[in-house]
Amino acid sequence: MSRPLTAVHDGELTHWQARLMEMAASADTGDGAHDASHLERVWRAAGTLLDAHTEADRLVVLAACHLHDLVNLPKHHPDRAQASRLAAERATRLLTDAGFPADRLDAVAHAIEAHSFSAGIAPRTIEASIVQDADRLDALGAVGLARLYYTAGRMGSALAHATDPLAHGRELDDRAYALDHIEAKLAALPATMRTETGARVARERLDWLRAFRDAFVREWGEGGPSHHAPMF
Protein backbone atom coordinates (compact mmCIF):
# COMPACT_ATOMS: atom_id res chain seq x y z
CA MET A 1 0.00 0.00 0.00
CA SER A 2 1.51 3.33 -1.05
CA ARG A 3 2.36 5.96 1.55
CA PRO A 4 0.42 9.24 1.63
CA LEU A 5 2.51 12.03 0.10
CA THR A 6 1.03 15.04 1.86
CA ALA A 7 2.00 16.19 5.34
CA VAL A 8 -0.55 16.44 8.14
CA HIS A 9 -0.72 19.54 10.34
CA ASP A 10 -2.25 19.89 13.79
CA GLY A 11 -4.98 22.12 12.44
CA GLU A 12 -5.97 19.46 9.92
CA LEU A 13 -6.13 16.84 12.63
CA THR A 14 -8.31 19.09 14.80
CA HIS A 15 -10.63 19.81 11.88
CA TRP A 16 -11.05 16.16 10.97
CA GLN A 17 -11.43 14.96 14.54
CA ALA A 18 -14.57 17.09 14.93
CA ARG A 19 -15.95 15.78 11.63
CA LEU A 20 -15.11 12.18 12.53
CA MET A 21 -16.84 12.45 15.91
CA GLU A 22 -19.99 13.57 14.11
CA MET A 23 -19.77 10.60 11.72
CA ALA A 24 -19.29 8.18 14.60
CA ALA A 25 -22.20 9.67 16.54
CA SER A 26 -24.52 8.99 13.61
CA ALA A 27 -23.87 5.25 14.06
CA ASP A 28 -24.30 5.10 17.86
CA THR A 29 -26.08 1.84 18.71
CA GLY A 30 -26.45 2.48 22.44
CA ASP A 31 -23.74 -0.07 23.30
CA GLY A 32 -21.91 1.37 26.29
CA ALA A 33 -18.84 -0.77 25.59
CA HIS A 34 -18.47 0.72 22.10
CA ASP A 35 -19.60 4.30 22.61
CA ALA A 36 -17.95 7.67 21.96
CA SER A 37 -15.84 7.30 25.11
CA HIS A 38 -14.43 4.03 23.76
CA LEU A 39 -13.46 5.74 20.51
CA GLU A 40 -11.70 8.53 22.37
CA ARG A 41 -9.82 6.05 24.59
CA VAL A 42 -8.69 4.13 21.51
CA TRP A 43 -7.44 7.37 19.95
CA ARG A 44 -5.60 8.33 23.17
CA ALA A 45 -3.95 4.90 23.31
CA ALA A 46 -3.05 5.23 19.64
CA GLY A 47 -1.44 8.58 20.42
CA THR A 48 0.93 6.88 22.86
CA LEU A 49 1.84 4.31 20.21
CA LEU A 50 2.29 7.04 17.58
CA ASP A 51 4.91 8.69 19.78
CA ALA A 52 7.09 5.64 19.19
CA HIS A 53 6.25 5.44 15.48
CA THR A 54 6.64 8.91 14.06
CA GLU A 55 6.64 7.51 10.54
CA ALA A 56 2.96 6.59 10.85
CA ASP A 57 0.25 8.73 9.24
CA ARG A 58 -1.61 10.33 12.15
CA LEU A 59 -4.63 11.30 10.04
CA VAL A 60 -5.15 7.70 8.91
CA VAL A 61 -4.92 6.50 12.52
CA LEU A 62 -7.25 9.26 13.70
CA ALA A 63 -9.91 8.36 11.14
CA ALA A 64 -9.69 4.61 11.75
CA CYS A 65 -9.85 5.02 15.54
CA HIS A 66 -13.04 7.06 15.32
CA LEU A 67 -14.78 5.03 12.60
CA HIS A 68 -13.75 1.44 13.36
CA ASP A 69 -17.07 0.65 15.07
CA LEU A 70 -19.42 2.19 12.50
CA VAL A 71 -20.88 -1.31 12.17
CA ASN A 72 -20.90 -3.03 15.56
CA LEU A 73 -22.56 -6.44 15.75
CA PRO A 74 -23.10 -8.27 19.08
CA LYS A 75 -20.49 -10.86 20.03
CA HIS A 76 -22.94 -13.72 19.48
CA HIS A 77 -24.15 -12.43 16.08
CA PRO A 78 -23.50 -14.93 13.23
CA ASP A 79 -22.00 -12.16 11.04
CA ARG A 80 -19.71 -10.78 13.75
CA ALA A 81 -16.57 -11.53 11.69
CA GLN A 82 -17.88 -9.34 8.86
CA ALA A 83 -18.51 -6.26 10.99
CA SER A 84 -15.13 -4.63 10.42
CA ARG A 85 -15.35 -5.07 6.66
CA LEU A 86 -18.80 -3.51 6.64
CA ALA A 87 -17.52 -0.69 8.87
CA ALA A 88 -14.64 -0.05 6.45
CA GLU A 89 -17.04 0.15 3.51
CA ARG A 90 -19.31 2.57 5.35
CA ALA A 91 -16.36 4.68 6.51
CA THR A 92 -15.07 4.95 2.94
CA ARG A 93 -18.43 6.24 1.75
CA LEU A 94 -18.73 8.77 4.56
CA LEU A 95 -15.17 10.00 4.18
CA THR A 96 -15.48 10.33 0.42
CA ASP A 97 -18.64 12.39 0.78
CA ALA A 98 -16.91 14.59 3.38
CA GLY A 99 -13.93 15.32 1.12
CA PHE A 100 -11.39 13.33 3.12
CA PRO A 101 -8.01 13.07 1.33
CA ALA A 102 -8.47 10.40 -1.34
CA ASP A 103 -4.87 9.19 -1.04
CA ARG A 104 -5.61 8.00 2.51
CA LEU A 105 -8.94 6.22 2.01
CA ASP A 106 -7.49 2.76 1.32
CA ALA A 107 -5.18 3.00 4.36
CA VAL A 108 -8.07 3.95 6.62
CA ALA A 109 -10.24 1.14 5.27
CA HIS A 110 -7.50 -1.43 5.84
CA ALA A 111 -6.88 -0.23 9.40
CA ILE A 112 -10.59 -0.54 10.18
CA GLU A 113 -10.87 -4.00 8.63
CA ALA A 114 -7.78 -5.29 10.44
CA HIS A 115 -8.67 -3.96 13.90
CA SER A 116 -11.17 -6.75 14.62
CA PHE A 117 -10.11 -9.86 16.51
CA SER A 118 -13.00 -11.78 14.96
CA ALA A 119 -12.03 -10.86 11.40
CA GLY A 120 -8.55 -12.36 11.74
CA ILE A 121 -6.96 -9.92 9.26
CA ALA A 122 -3.23 -9.27 9.69
CA PRO A 123 -2.28 -5.58 9.55
CA ARG A 124 -0.13 -4.69 6.54
CA THR A 125 0.75 -1.17 7.65
CA ILE A 126 2.05 0.51 10.77
CA GLU A 127 -1.19 2.52 10.95
CA ALA A 128 -3.30 -0.65 10.99
CA SER A 129 -1.00 -2.17 13.61
CA ILE A 130 -1.40 0.87 15.85
CA VAL A 131 -5.20 0.92 15.54
CA GLN A 132 -5.42 -2.82 16.25
CA ASP A 133 -3.19 -2.52 19.32
CA ALA A 134 -5.03 0.54 20.63
CA ASP A 135 -8.44 -1.10 20.31
CA ARG A 136 -7.25 -4.27 22.06
CA LEU A 137 -5.72 -2.29 24.91
CA ASP A 138 -9.18 -0.96 25.75
CA ALA A 139 -10.29 -4.55 26.42
CA LEU A 140 -7.66 -4.86 29.17
CA GLY A 141 -7.15 -3.23 32.55
CA ALA A 142 -9.79 -1.54 34.71
CA VAL A 143 -11.86 -0.14 31.85
CA GLY A 144 -11.60 -3.46 30.06
CA LEU A 145 -12.99 -5.17 33.15
CA ALA A 146 -15.92 -2.78 33.29
CA ARG A 147 -16.60 -3.38 29.59
CA LEU A 148 -16.34 -7.14 30.14
CA TYR A 149 -19.07 -7.19 32.80
CA TYR A 150 -21.22 -4.66 30.96
CA THR A 151 -21.19 -6.89 27.88
CA ALA A 152 -21.73 -10.03 29.95
CA GLY A 153 -24.80 -8.43 31.50
CA ARG A 154 -26.22 -7.64 28.09
CA MET A 155 -25.63 -11.25 27.05
CA GLY A 156 -27.17 -12.66 30.22
CA SER A 157 -23.98 -14.33 31.43
CA ALA A 158 -23.42 -15.30 35.05
CA LEU A 159 -20.68 -13.56 37.04
CA ALA A 160 -18.74 -16.81 37.42
CA HIS A 161 -19.23 -20.55 37.66
CA ALA A 162 -20.83 -21.29 41.04
CA THR A 163 -18.41 -24.01 42.21
CA ASP A 164 -15.43 -23.88 39.83
CA PRO A 165 -14.72 -20.22 39.01
CA LEU A 166 -11.16 -20.92 37.83
CA ALA A 167 -12.23 -23.79 35.55
CA HIS A 168 -10.02 -26.42 37.16
CA GLY A 169 -12.41 -29.23 36.20
CA ARG A 170 -14.28 -27.86 33.19
CA GLU A 171 -13.78 -26.07 29.88
CA LEU A 172 -13.74 -22.28 29.89
CA ASP A 173 -17.04 -20.84 28.67
CA ASP A 174 -17.04 -17.06 28.54
CA ARG A 175 -20.53 -16.88 27.08
CA ALA A 176 -21.92 -18.52 30.19
CA TYR A 177 -19.52 -17.07 32.79
CA ALA A 178 -18.10 -13.55 32.63
CA LEU A 179 -15.00 -14.31 34.71
CA ASP A 180 -13.95 -16.95 32.18
CA HIS A 181 -13.41 -14.23 29.57
CA ILE A 182 -10.16 -13.15 31.20
CA GLU A 183 -8.41 -16.45 30.47
CA ALA A 184 -10.52 -17.53 27.51
CA LYS A 185 -9.84 -14.41 25.41
CA LEU A 186 -8.11 -11.51 27.13
CA ALA A 187 -5.05 -13.45 28.28
CA ALA A 188 -4.12 -14.02 24.63
CA LEU A 189 -4.10 -10.33 23.67
CA PRO A 190 -0.58 -9.32 24.78
CA ALA A 191 0.95 -11.89 22.42
CA THR A 192 -1.02 -10.43 19.50
CA MET A 193 0.26 -6.88 19.93
CA ARG A 194 2.11 -5.48 16.93
CA THR A 195 4.05 -2.73 18.71
CA GLU A 196 6.50 -2.97 21.60
CA THR A 197 4.70 -0.29 23.58
CA GLY A 198 1.35 -1.98 23.01
CA ALA A 199 2.73 -5.32 24.19
CA ARG A 200 4.19 -3.79 27.35
CA VAL A 201 1.00 -1.97 28.32
CA ALA A 202 -1.09 -5.05 27.48
CA ARG A 203 1.00 -7.22 29.82
CA GLU A 204 0.63 -4.68 32.63
CA ARG A 205 -3.13 -4.53 32.17
CA LEU A 206 -3.45 -8.31 32.00
CA ASP A 207 -1.52 -8.59 35.27
CA TRP A 208 -4.07 -6.21 36.81
CA LEU A 209 -6.96 -8.30 35.50
CA ARG A 210 -5.48 -11.49 36.90
CA ALA A 211 -5.00 -9.80 40.28
CA PHE A 212 -8.68 -8.86 40.18
CA ARG A 213 -9.60 -12.45 39.24
CA ASP A 214 -7.66 -13.81 42.19
CA ALA A 215 -9.29 -11.34 44.59
CA PHE A 216 -12.70 -12.17 43.14
CA VAL A 217 -12.19 -15.89 43.66
CA ARG A 218 -11.04 -15.37 47.26
CA GLU A 219 -14.29 -13.57 48.00
CA TRP A 220 -16.44 -15.86 45.85
CA GLY A 221 -14.95 -18.99 47.36
CA GLU A 222 -13.05 -21.60 45.36
CA GLY A 223 -15.87 -24.05 46.00
CA GLY A 224 -18.56 -21.51 45.28
CA PRO A 225 -20.82 -19.46 47.52
CA SER A 226 -21.40 -21.16 50.85
CA HIS A 227 -24.72 -22.91 51.31
CA HIS A 228 -24.16 -22.89 55.06
CA ALA A 229 -23.62 -19.22 55.78
CA PRO A 230 -23.69 -18.35 59.50
CA MET A 231 -26.93 -16.99 60.87
CA PHE A 232 -26.85 -13.67 62.69
C-alpha atoms as a PDB file:
ATOM      1  CA  MET A   1       0.000   0.000   0.000  1.00  0.00           C
ATOM      2  CA  SER A   2       1.508   3.332  -1.047  1.00  0.00           C
ATOM      3  CA  ARG A   3       2.357   5.959   1.546  1.00  0.00           C
ATOM      4  CA  PRO A   4       0.421   9.245   1.627  1.00  0.00           C
ATOM      5  CA  LEU A   5       2.509  12.025   0.095  1.00  0.00           C
ATOM      6  CA  THR A   6       1.026  15.044   1.864  1.00  0.00           C
ATOM      7  CA  ALA A   7       2.000  16.193   5.344  1.00  0.00           C
ATOM      8  CA  VAL A   8      -0.545  16.436   8.144  1.00  0.00           C
ATOM      9  CA  HIS A   9      -0.720  19.536  10.336  1.00  0.00           C
ATOM     10  CA  ASP A  10      -2.255  19.888  13.793  1.00  0.00           C
ATOM     11  CA  GLY A  11      -4.981  22.123  12.436  1.00  0.00           C
ATOM     12  CA  GLU A  12      -5.971  19.464   9.922  1.00  0.00           C
ATOM     13  CA  LEU A  13      -6.135  16.840  12.635  1.00  0.00           C
ATOM     14  CA  THR A  14      -8.314  19.086  14.796  1.00  0.00           C
ATOM     15  CA  HIS A  15     -10.630  19.808  11.877  1.00  0.00           C
ATOM     16  CA  TRP A  16     -11.045  16.164  10.970  1.00  0.00           C
ATOM     17  CA  GLN A  17     -11.429  14.962  14.542  1.00  0.00           C
ATOM     18  CA  ALA A  18     -14.570  17.089  14.931  1.00  0.00           C
ATOM     19  CA  ARG A  19     -15.945  15.777  11.634  1.00  0.00           C
ATOM     20  CA  LEU A  20     -15.107  12.183  12.530  1.00  0.00           C
ATOM     21  CA  MET A  21     -16.837  12.450  15.907  1.00  0.00           C
ATOM     22  CA  GLU A  22     -19.991  13.566  14.105  1.00  0.00           C
ATOM     23  CA  MET A  23     -19.774  10.601  11.720  1.00  0.00           C
ATOM     24  CA  ALA A  24     -19.288   8.182  14.597  1.00  0.00           C
ATOM     25  CA  ALA A  25     -22.201   9.669  16.536  1.00  0.00           C
ATOM     26  CA  SER A  26     -24.515   8.987  13.609  1.00  0.00           C
ATOM     27  CA  ALA A  27     -23.866   5.247  14.058  1.00  0.00           C
ATOM     28  CA  ASP A  28     -24.297   5.099  17.859  1.00  0.00           C
ATOM     29  CA  THR A  29     -26.081   1.838  18.706  1.00  0.00           C
ATOM     30  CA  GLY A  30     -26.447   2.479  22.443  1.00  0.00           C
ATOM     31  CA  ASP A  31     -23.739  -0.075  23.297  1.00  0.00           C
ATOM     32  CA  GLY A  32     -21.909   1.373  26.287  1.00  0.00           C
ATOM     33  CA  ALA A  33     -18.838  -0.769  25.590  1.00  0.00           C
ATOM     34  CA  HIS A  34     -18.474   0.722  22.099  1.00  0.00           C
ATOM     35  CA  ASP A  35     -19.605   4.304  22.611  1.00  0.00           C
ATOM     36  CA  ALA A  36     -17.954   7.672  21.960  1.00  0.00           C
ATOM     37  CA  SER A  37     -15.843   7.304  25.112  1.00  0.00           C
ATOM     38  CA  HIS A  38     -14.434   4.035  23.763  1.00  0.00           C
ATOM     39  CA  LEU A  39     -13.463   5.741  20.506  1.00  0.00           C
ATOM     40  CA  GLU A  40     -11.704   8.532  22.375  1.00  0.00           C
ATOM     41  CA  ARG A  41      -9.821   6.051  24.586  1.00  0.00           C
ATOM     42  CA  VAL A  42      -8.685   4.129  21.515  1.00  0.00           C
ATOM     43  CA  TRP A  43      -7.443   7.368  19.950  1.00  0.00           C
ATOM     44  CA  ARG A  44      -5.598   8.329  23.169  1.00  0.00           C
ATOM     45  CA  ALA A  45      -3.950   4.900  23.307  1.00  0.00           C
ATOM     46  CA  ALA A  46      -3.047   5.227  19.644  1.00  0.00           C
ATOM     47  CA  GLY A  47      -1.443   8.581  20.420  1.00  0.00           C
ATOM     48  CA  THR A  48       0.928   6.880  22.855  1.00  0.00           C
ATOM     49  CA  LEU A  49       1.843   4.314  20.212  1.00  0.00           C
ATOM     50  CA  LEU A  50       2.287   7.042  17.579  1.00  0.00           C
ATOM     51  CA  ASP A  51       4.907   8.690  19.781  1.00  0.00           C
ATOM     52  CA  ALA A  52       7.086   5.636  19.192  1.00  0.00           C
ATOM     53  CA  HIS A  53       6.249   5.444  15.480  1.00  0.00           C
ATOM     54  CA  THR A  54       6.640   8.913  14.063  1.00  0.00           C
ATOM     55  CA  GLU A  55       6.638   7.515  10.543  1.00  0.00           C
ATOM     56  CA  ALA A  56       2.960   6.591  10.848  1.00  0.00           C
ATOM     57  CA  ASP A  57       0.247   8.732   9.244  1.00  0.00           C
ATOM     58  CA  ARG A  58      -1.615  10.333  12.150  1.00  0.00           C
ATOM     59  CA  LEU A  59      -4.630  11.296  10.040  1.00  0.00           C
ATOM     60  CA  VAL A  60      -5.147   7.699   8.910  1.00  0.00           C
ATOM     61  CA  VAL A  61      -4.923   6.499  12.516  1.00  0.00           C
ATOM     62  CA  LEU A  62      -7.255   9.256  13.703  1.00  0.00           C
ATOM     63  CA  ALA A  63      -9.913   8.355  11.139  1.00  0.00           C
ATOM     64  CA  ALA A  64      -9.690   4.615  11.745  1.00  0.00           C
ATOM     65  CA  CYS A  65      -9.848   5.017  15.540  1.00  0.00           C
ATOM     66  CA  HIS A  66     -13.042   7.056  15.320  1.00  0.00           C
ATOM     67  CA  LEU A  67     -14.777   5.031  12.604  1.00  0.00           C
ATOM     68  CA  HIS A  68     -13.754   1.440  13.357  1.00  0.00           C
ATOM     69  CA  ASP A  69     -17.070   0.652  15.072  1.00  0.00           C
ATOM     70  CA  LEU A  70     -19.421   2.192  12.502  1.00  0.00           C
ATOM     71  CA  VAL A  71     -20.880  -1.312  12.172  1.00  0.00           C
ATOM     72  CA  ASN A  72     -20.901  -3.031  15.559  1.00  0.00           C
ATOM     73  CA  LEU A  73     -22.559  -6.437  15.752  1.00  0.00           C
ATOM     74  CA  PRO A  74     -23.103  -8.273  19.080  1.00  0.00           C
ATOM     75  CA  LYS A  75     -20.494 -10.862  20.032  1.00  0.00           C
ATOM     76  CA  HIS A  76     -22.939 -13.721  19.479  1.00  0.00           C
ATOM     77  CA  HIS A  77     -24.147 -12.428  16.085  1.00  0.00           C
ATOM     78  CA  PRO A  78     -23.499 -14.926  13.226  1.00  0.00           C
ATOM     79  CA  ASP A  79     -21.995 -12.161  11.038  1.00  0.00           C
ATOM     80  CA  ARG A  80     -19.711 -10.781  13.751  1.00  0.00           C
ATOM     81  CA  ALA A  81     -16.567 -11.533  11.689  1.00  0.00           C
ATOM     82  CA  GLN A  82     -17.880  -9.344   8.858  1.00  0.00           C
ATOM     83  CA  ALA A  83     -18.509  -6.257  10.993  1.00  0.00           C
ATOM     84  CA  SER A  84     -15.126  -4.633  10.416  1.00  0.00           C
ATOM     85  CA  ARG A  85     -15.349  -5.072   6.656  1.00  0.00           C
ATOM     86  CA  LEU A  86     -18.801  -3.514   6.645  1.00  0.00           C
ATOM     87  CA  ALA A  87     -17.523  -0.693   8.866  1.00  0.00           C
ATOM     88  CA  ALA A  88     -14.640  -0.053   6.450  1.00  0.00           C
ATOM     89  CA  GLU A  89     -17.041   0.152   3.512  1.00  0.00           C
ATOM     90  CA  ARG A  90     -19.310   2.571   5.347  1.00  0.00           C
ATOM     91  CA  ALA A  91     -16.360   4.675   6.505  1.00  0.00           C
ATOM     92  CA  THR A  92     -15.068   4.948   2.937  1.00  0.00           C
ATOM     93  CA  ARG A  93     -18.428   6.235   1.745  1.00  0.00           C
ATOM     94  CA  LEU A  94     -18.731   8.769   4.557  1.00  0.00           C
ATOM     95  CA  LEU A  95     -15.165  10.004   4.183  1.00  0.00           C
ATOM     96  CA  THR A  96     -15.478  10.330   0.424  1.00  0.00           C
ATOM     97  CA  ASP A  97     -18.643  12.395   0.778  1.00  0.00           C
ATOM     98  CA  ALA A  98     -16.910  14.586   3.382  1.00  0.00           C
ATOM     99  CA  GLY A  99     -13.932  15.317   1.124  1.00  0.00           C
ATOM    100  CA  PHE A 100     -11.388  13.326   3.125  1.00  0.00           C
ATOM    101  CA  PRO A 101      -8.014  13.070   1.334  1.00  0.00           C
ATOM    102  CA  ALA A 102      -8.470  10.397  -1.339  1.00  0.00           C
ATOM    103  CA  ASP A 103      -4.870   9.188  -1.045  1.00  0.00           C
ATOM    104  CA  ARG A 104      -5.608   8.002   2.513  1.00  0.00           C
ATOM    105  CA  LEU A 105      -8.935   6.217   2.008  1.00  0.00           C
ATOM    106  CA  ASP A 106      -7.486   2.765   1.320  1.00  0.00           C
ATOM    107  CA  ALA A 107      -5.183   3.005   4.356  1.00  0.00           C
ATOM    108  CA  VAL A 108      -8.075   3.953   6.622  1.00  0.00           C
ATOM    109  CA  ALA A 109     -10.245   1.142   5.271  1.00  0.00           C
ATOM    110  CA  HIS A 110      -7.502  -1.431   5.836  1.00  0.00           C
ATOM    111  CA  ALA A 111      -6.884  -0.231   9.403  1.00  0.00           C
ATOM    112  CA  ILE A 112     -10.590  -0.537  10.178  1.00  0.00           C
ATOM    113  CA  GLU A 113     -10.866  -4.005   8.634  1.00  0.00           C
ATOM    114  CA  ALA A 114      -7.777  -5.286  10.442  1.00  0.00           C
ATOM    115  CA  HIS A 115      -8.673  -3.962  13.904  1.00  0.00           C
ATOM    116  CA  SER A 116     -11.171  -6.751  14.615  1.00  0.00           C
ATOM    117  CA  PHE A 117     -10.110  -9.860  16.511  1.00  0.00           C
ATOM    118  CA  SER A 118     -13.001 -11.783  14.958  1.00  0.00           C
ATOM    119  CA  ALA A 119     -12.028 -10.859  11.397  1.00  0.00           C
ATOM    120  CA  GLY A 120      -8.549 -12.362  11.741  1.00  0.00           C
ATOM    121  CA  ILE A 121      -6.963  -9.923   9.264  1.00  0.00           C
ATOM    122  CA  ALA A 122      -3.233  -9.274   9.688  1.00  0.00           C
ATOM    123  CA  PRO A 123      -2.283  -5.582   9.550  1.00  0.00           C
ATOM    124  CA  ARG A 124      -0.126  -4.693   6.540  1.00  0.00           C
ATOM    125  CA  THR A 125       0.752  -1.167   7.651  1.00  0.00           C
ATOM    126  CA  ILE A 126       2.048   0.514  10.775  1.00  0.00           C
ATOM    127  CA  GLU A 127      -1.194   2.516  10.946  1.00  0.00           C
ATOM    128  CA  ALA A 128      -3.303  -0.655  10.988  1.00  0.00           C
ATOM    129  CA  SER A 129      -0.998  -2.169  13.612  1.00  0.00           C
ATOM    130  CA  ILE A 130      -1.400   0.867  15.851  1.00  0.00           C
ATOM    131  CA  VAL A 131      -5.195   0.920  15.541  1.00  0.00           C
ATOM    132  CA  GLN A 132      -5.424  -2.817  16.246  1.00  0.00           C
ATOM    133  CA  ASP A 133      -3.191  -2.523  19.321  1.00  0.00           C
ATOM    134  CA  ALA A 134      -5.027   0.541  20.632  1.00  0.00           C
ATOM    135  CA  ASP A 135      -8.437  -1.100  20.307  1.00  0.00           C
ATOM    136  CA  ARG A 136      -7.254  -4.270  22.062  1.00  0.00           C
ATOM    137  CA  LEU A 137      -5.719  -2.286  24.911  1.00  0.00           C
ATOM    138  CA  ASP A 138      -9.179  -0.961  25.745  1.00  0.00           C
ATOM    139  CA  ALA A 139     -10.288  -4.549  26.417  1.00  0.00           C
ATOM    140  CA  LEU A 140      -7.663  -4.863  29.175  1.00  0.00           C
ATOM    141  CA  GLY A 141      -7.152  -3.227  32.553  1.00  0.00           C
ATOM    142  CA  ALA A 142      -9.792  -1.544  34.712  1.00  0.00           C
ATOM    143  CA  VAL A 143     -11.857  -0.135  31.852  1.00  0.00           C
ATOM    144  CA  GLY A 144     -11.601  -3.458  30.060  1.00  0.00           C
ATOM    145  CA  LEU A 145     -12.989  -5.172  33.151  1.00  0.00           C
ATOM    146  CA  ALA A 146     -15.925  -2.781  33.285  1.00  0.00           C
ATOM    147  CA  ARG A 147     -16.603  -3.377  29.590  1.00  0.00           C
ATOM    148  CA  LEU A 148     -16.342  -7.143  30.142  1.00  0.00           C
ATOM    149  CA  TYR A 149     -19.068  -7.194  32.801  1.00  0.00           C
ATOM    150  CA  TYR A 150     -21.217  -4.657  30.959  1.00  0.00           C
ATOM    151  CA  THR A 151     -21.190  -6.892  27.879  1.00  0.00           C
ATOM    152  CA  ALA A 152     -21.731 -10.033  29.951  1.00  0.00           C
ATOM    153  CA  GLY A 153     -24.799  -8.432  31.503  1.00  0.00           C
ATOM    154  CA  ARG A 154     -26.217  -7.635  28.088  1.00  0.00           C
ATOM    155  CA  MET A 155     -25.628 -11.246  27.048  1.00  0.00           C
ATOM    156  CA  GLY A 156     -27.174 -12.659  30.217  1.00  0.00           C
ATOM    157  CA  SER A 157     -23.976 -14.328  31.426  1.00  0.00           C
ATOM    158  CA  ALA A 158     -23.423 -15.303  35.046  1.00  0.00           C
ATOM    159  CA  LEU A 159     -20.685 -13.559  37.044  1.00  0.00           C
ATOM    160  CA  ALA A 160     -18.740 -16.807  37.415  1.00  0.00           C
ATOM    161  CA  HIS A 161     -19.229 -20.554  37.664  1.00  0.00           C
ATOM    162  CA  ALA A 162     -20.827 -21.291  41.040  1.00  0.00           C
ATOM    163  CA  THR A 163     -18.413 -24.011  42.211  1.00  0.00           C
ATOM    164  CA  ASP A 164     -15.434 -23.883  39.833  1.00  0.00           C
ATOM    165  CA  PRO A 165     -14.723 -20.218  39.011  1.00  0.00           C
ATOM    166  CA  LEU A 166     -11.156 -20.915  37.827  1.00  0.00           C
ATOM    167  CA  ALA A 167     -12.235 -23.792  35.549  1.00  0.00           C
ATOM    168  CA  HIS A 168     -10.022 -26.421  37.160  1.00  0.00           C
ATOM    169  CA  GLY A 169     -12.414 -29.227  36.204  1.00  0.00           C
ATOM    170  CA  ARG A 170     -14.279 -27.863  33.192  1.00  0.00           C
ATOM    171  CA  GLU A 171     -13.778 -26.074  29.882  1.00  0.00           C
ATOM    172  CA  LEU A 172     -13.739 -22.284  29.893  1.00  0.00           C
ATOM    173  CA  ASP A 173     -17.038 -20.836  28.665  1.00  0.00           C
ATOM    174  CA  ASP A 174     -17.043 -17.061  28.537  1.00  0.00           C
ATOM    175  CA  ARG A 175     -20.531 -16.879  27.084  1.00  0.00           C
ATOM    176  CA  ALA A 176     -21.923 -18.520  30.193  1.00  0.00           C
ATOM    177  CA  TYR A 177     -19.520 -17.071  32.790  1.00  0.00           C
ATOM    178  CA  ALA A 178     -18.104 -13.547  32.631  1.00  0.00           C
ATOM    179  CA  LEU A 179     -15.000 -14.308  34.713  1.00  0.00           C
ATOM    180  CA  ASP A 180     -13.946 -16.954  32.183  1.00  0.00           C
ATOM    181  CA  HIS A 181     -13.413 -14.226  29.575  1.00  0.00           C
ATOM    182  CA  ILE A 182     -10.159 -13.152  31.205  1.00  0.00           C
ATOM    183  CA  GLU A 183      -8.409 -16.446  30.473  1.00  0.00           C
ATOM    184  CA  ALA A 184     -10.519 -17.529  27.509  1.00  0.00           C
ATOM    185  CA  LYS A 185      -9.835 -14.412  25.408  1.00  0.00           C
ATOM    186  CA  LEU A 186      -8.112 -11.508  27.126  1.00  0.00           C
ATOM    187  CA  ALA A 187      -5.048 -13.452  28.276  1.00  0.00           C
ATOM    188  CA  ALA A 188      -4.122 -14.022  24.629  1.00  0.00           C
ATOM    189  CA  LEU A 189      -4.102 -10.332  23.671  1.00  0.00           C
ATOM    190  CA  PRO A 190      -0.580  -9.317  24.784  1.00  0.00           C
ATOM    191  CA  ALA A 191       0.948 -11.885  22.424  1.00  0.00           C
ATOM    192  CA  THR A 192      -1.023 -10.434  19.503  1.00  0.00           C
ATOM    193  CA  MET A 193       0.263  -6.877  19.931  1.00  0.00           C
ATOM    194  CA  ARG A 194       2.112  -5.481  16.932  1.00  0.00           C
ATOM    195  CA  THR A 195       4.047  -2.727  18.713  1.00  0.00           C
ATOM    196  CA  GLU A 196       6.499  -2.969  21.602  1.00  0.00           C
ATOM    197  CA  THR A 197       4.696  -0.288  23.585  1.00  0.00           C
ATOM    198  CA  GLY A 198       1.354  -1.978  23.008  1.00  0.00           C
ATOM    199  CA  ALA A 199       2.730  -5.323  24.192  1.00  0.00           C
ATOM    200  CA  ARG A 200       4.194  -3.788  27.351  1.00  0.00           C
ATOM    201  CA  VAL A 201       1.002  -1.966  28.316  1.00  0.00           C
ATOM    202  CA  ALA A 202      -1.085  -5.050  27.480  1.00  0.00           C
ATOM    203  CA  ARG A 203       1.004  -7.224  29.823  1.00  0.00           C
ATOM    204  CA  GLU A 204       0.634  -4.683  32.625  1.00  0.00           C
ATOM    205  CA  ARG A 205      -3.127  -4.531  32.175  1.00  0.00           C
ATOM    206  CA  LEU A 206      -3.445  -8.314  31.995  1.00  0.00           C
ATOM    207  CA  ASP A 207      -1.517  -8.593  35.270  1.00  0.00           C
ATOM    208  CA  TRP A 208      -4.068  -6.212  36.814  1.00  0.00           C
ATOM    209  CA  LEU A 209      -6.963  -8.304  35.496  1.00  0.00           C
ATOM    210  CA  ARG A 210      -5.478 -11.489  36.901  1.00  0.00           C
ATOM    211  CA  ALA A 211      -4.995  -9.801  40.282  1.00  0.00           C
ATOM    212  CA  PHE A 212      -8.683  -8.862  40.177  1.00  0.00           C
ATOM    213  CA  ARG A 213      -9.605 -12.448  39.239  1.00  0.00           C
ATOM    214  CA  ASP A 214      -7.656 -13.810  42.189  1.00  0.00           C
ATOM    215  CA  ALA A 215      -9.292 -11.341  44.589  1.00  0.00           C
ATOM    216  CA  PHE A 216     -12.701 -12.172  43.143  1.00  0.00           C
ATOM    217  CA  VAL A 217     -12.191 -15.893  43.663  1.00  0.00           C
ATOM    218  CA  ARG A 218     -11.035 -15.375  47.260  1.00  0.00           C
ATOM    219  CA  GLU A 219     -14.294 -13.566  48.000  1.00  0.00           C
ATOM    220  CA  TRP A 220     -16.442 -15.863  45.847  1.00  0.00           C
ATOM    221  CA  GLY A 221     -14.950 -18.990  47.359  1.00  0.00           C
ATOM    222  CA  GLU A 222     -13.049 -21.599  45.363  1.00  0.00           C
ATOM    223  CA  GLY A 223     -15.866 -24.053  46.001  1.00  0.00           C
ATOM    224  CA  GLY A 224     -18.561 -21.505  45.277  1.00  0.00           C
ATOM    225  CA  PRO A 225     -20.825 -19.459  47.524  1.00  0.00           C
ATOM    226  CA  SER A 226     -21.400 -21.157  50.851  1.00  0.00           C
ATOM    227  CA  HIS A 227     -24.722 -22.913  51.313  1.00  0.00           C
ATOM    228  CA  HIS A 228     -24.161 -22.886  55.060  1.00  0.00           C
ATOM    229  CA  ALA A 229     -23.621 -19.225  55.781  1.00  0.00           C
ATOM    230  CA  PRO A 230     -23.693 -18.352  59.499  1.00  0.00           C
ATOM    231  CA  MET A 231     -26.932 -16.991  60.867  1.00  0.00           C
ATOM    232  CA  PHE A 232     -26.846 -13.667  62.694  1.00  0.00           C
END
